[in-house]
Amino acid sequence: MPAAPGGRLFDLDYLILGELVVVRILFLSLAVTLMLLVLNNWRLQHHSH
């Protein structure tokens, strides 16, 4: 019986960890996309001048 709550807690922690990883990946991809857009814009401005 005592093993069930431990497993449940472990699953909950794992779920929260997974969500954090997903959020981190989304945030990183968003940051990379913004950086690429800024770099592309800066390059276009630099080449135009």
N, C-alpha and C. Protein backbone atom coordinates (compact mmCIF):
# COMPACT_ATOMS: atom_id res chain seq x y z
N MET A 1 0.82 -1.22 0.00
CA MET A 1 0.00 0.00 0.00
C MET A 1 0.86 1.28 0.00
N PRO A 2 1.90 1.35 0.87
CA PRO A 2 2.67 2.60 0.92
C PRO A 2 3.43 2.88 -0.38
N ALA A 3 3.59 1.86 -1.22
CA ALA A 3 4.33 2.07 -2.47
C ALA A 3 3.50 2.88 -3.47
N ALA A 4 2.17 2.78 -3.37
CA ALA A 4 1.30 3.48 -4.33
C ALA A 4 1.46 5.00 -4.25
N PRO A 5 1.37 5.62 -3.05
CA PRO A 5 1.51 7.08 -2.97
C PRO A 5 2.88 7.55 -3.45
N GLY A 6 3.94 6.76 -3.13
CA GLY A 6 5.28 7.13 -3.58
C GLY A 6 5.34 7.16 -5.10
N GLY A 7 4.76 6.12 -5.72
CA GLY A 7 4.75 6.06 -7.17
C GLY A 7 3.95 7.23 -7.74
N ARG A 8 2.84 7.56 -7.08
CA ARG A 8 2.00 8.66 -7.55
C ARG A 8 2.79 9.97 -7.48
N LEU A 9 3.49 10.17 -6.35
CA LEU A 9 4.28 11.39 -6.19
C LEU A 9 5.37 11.45 -7.24
N PHE A 10 6.01 10.29 -7.49
CA PHE A 10 7.08 10.25 -8.49
C PHE A 10 6.52 10.61 -9.86
N ASP A 11 5.34 10.06 -10.18
CA ASP A 11 4.71 10.38 -11.47
C ASP A 11 4.41 11.87 -11.56
N LEU A 12 3.91 12.44 -10.44
CA LEU A 12 3.57 13.86 -10.43
C LEU A 12 4.83 14.70 -10.66
N ASP A 13 5.91 14.35 -9.95
CA ASP A 13 7.17 15.08 -10.13
C ASP A 13 7.66 14.95 -11.56
N TYR A 14 7.54 13.74 -12.11
CA TYR A 14 7.99 13.51 -13.48
C TYR A 14 7.16 14.34 -14.46
N LEU A 15 5.84 14.42 -14.20
CA LEU A 15 4.95 15.20 -15.06
C LEU A 15 5.34 16.67 -15.01
N ILE A 16 5.57 17.19 -13.79
CA ILE A 16 5.95 18.59 -13.64
C ILE A 16 7.30 18.84 -14.33
N LEU A 17 8.24 17.90 -14.17
CA LEU A 17 9.55 18.02 -14.82
C LEU A 17 9.38 18.06 -16.33
N GLY A 18 8.53 17.18 -16.85
CA GLY A 18 8.29 17.15 -18.29
C GLY A 18 7.71 18.46 -18.78
N GLU A 19 6.75 19.01 -18.02
CA GLU A 19 6.15 20.28 -18.42
C GLU A 19 7.19 21.39 -18.42
N LEU A 20 8.07 21.38 -17.40
CA LEU A 20 9.13 22.40 -17.33
C LEU A 20 10.05 22.28 -18.53
N VAL A 21 10.38 21.04 -18.91
CA VAL A 21 11.26 20.82 -20.07
C VAL A 21 10.59 21.33 -21.33
N VAL A 22 9.29 21.05 -21.49
CA VAL A 22 8.56 21.50 -22.68
C VAL A 22 8.54 23.02 -22.73
N VAL A 23 8.26 23.65 -21.57
CA VAL A 23 8.22 25.12 -21.52
C VAL A 23 9.60 25.68 -21.86
N ARG A 24 10.65 25.03 -21.33
CA ARG A 24 12.02 25.51 -21.59
C ARG A 24 12.35 25.41 -23.07
N ILE A 25 11.94 24.29 -23.70
CA ILE A 25 12.21 24.09 -25.13
C ILE A 25 11.46 25.15 -25.94
N LEU A 26 10.19 25.40 -25.58
CA LEU A 26 9.41 26.40 -26.29
C LEU A 26 10.05 27.78 -26.15
N PHE A 27 10.48 28.11 -24.93
CA PHE A 27 11.11 29.41 -24.67
C PHE A 27 12.40 29.55 -25.47
N LEU A 28 13.19 28.47 -25.50
CA LEU A 28 14.46 28.50 -26.25
C LEU A 28 14.20 28.67 -27.74
N SER A 29 13.23 27.95 -28.27
CA SER A 29 12.93 28.05 -29.70
C SER A 29 12.44 29.46 -30.03
N LEU A 30 11.63 30.04 -29.14
CA LEU A 30 11.14 31.40 -29.35
C LEU A 30 12.30 32.39 -29.35
N ALA A 31 13.21 32.23 -28.38
CA ALA A 31 14.37 33.13 -28.29
C ALA A 31 15.25 33.00 -29.53
N VAL A 32 15.46 31.76 -30.00
CA VAL A 32 16.29 31.54 -31.19
C VAL A 32 15.63 32.19 -32.41
N THR A 33 14.30 32.03 -32.53
CA THR A 33 13.59 32.62 -33.66
C THR A 33 13.71 34.14 -33.64
N LEU A 34 13.55 34.75 -32.45
CA LEU A 34 13.68 36.20 -32.33
C LEU A 34 15.09 36.65 -32.69
N MET A 35 16.10 35.90 -32.21
CA MET A 35 17.49 36.26 -32.52
C MET A 35 17.74 36.19 -34.02
N LEU A 36 17.22 35.14 -34.67
CA LEU A 36 17.41 35.00 -36.11
C LEU A 36 16.73 36.15 -36.85
N LEU A 37 15.52 36.52 -36.42
CA LEU A 37 14.82 37.64 -37.05
C LEU A 37 15.61 38.93 -36.90
N VAL A 38 16.12 39.18 -35.69
CA VAL A 38 16.89 40.40 -35.44
C VAL A 38 18.17 40.40 -36.28
N LEU A 39 18.85 39.24 -36.33
CA LEU A 39 20.08 39.15 -37.12
C LEU A 39 19.78 39.38 -38.60
N ASN A 40 18.70 38.79 -39.09
CA ASN A 40 18.33 38.94 -40.50
C ASN A 40 18.01 40.41 -40.79
N ASN A 41 17.26 41.05 -39.89
CA ASN A 41 16.91 42.46 -40.07
C ASN A 41 18.16 43.32 -40.06
N TRP A 42 19.08 43.05 -39.11
CA TRP A 42 20.32 43.83 -39.01
C TRP A 42 21.15 43.63 -40.28
N ARG A 43 21.19 42.40 -40.79
CA ARG A 43 21.95 42.11 -42.01
C ARG A 43 21.38 42.88 -43.19
N LEU A 44 20.04 42.88 -43.31
CA LEU A 44 19.40 43.59 -44.42
C LEU A 44 19.71 45.08 -44.33
N GLN A 45 19.61 45.65 -43.14
CA GLN A 45 19.89 47.07 -42.97
C GLN A 45 21.36 47.35 -43.28
N HIS A 46 22.25 46.47 -42.83
CA HIS A 46 23.68 46.66 -43.05
C HIS A 46 24.00 46.61 -44.54
N HIS A 47 23.37 45.68 -45.27
CA HIS A 47 23.64 45.54 -46.70
C HIS A 47 23.01 46.69 -47.48
N SER A 48 21.85 47.17 -47.03
CA SER A 48 21.17 48.26 -47.75
C SER A 48 21.99 49.54 -47.64
N HIS A 49 22.61 49.76 -46.48
CA HIS A 49 23.47 50.95 -46.32
C HIS A 49 24.85 50.58 -46.78
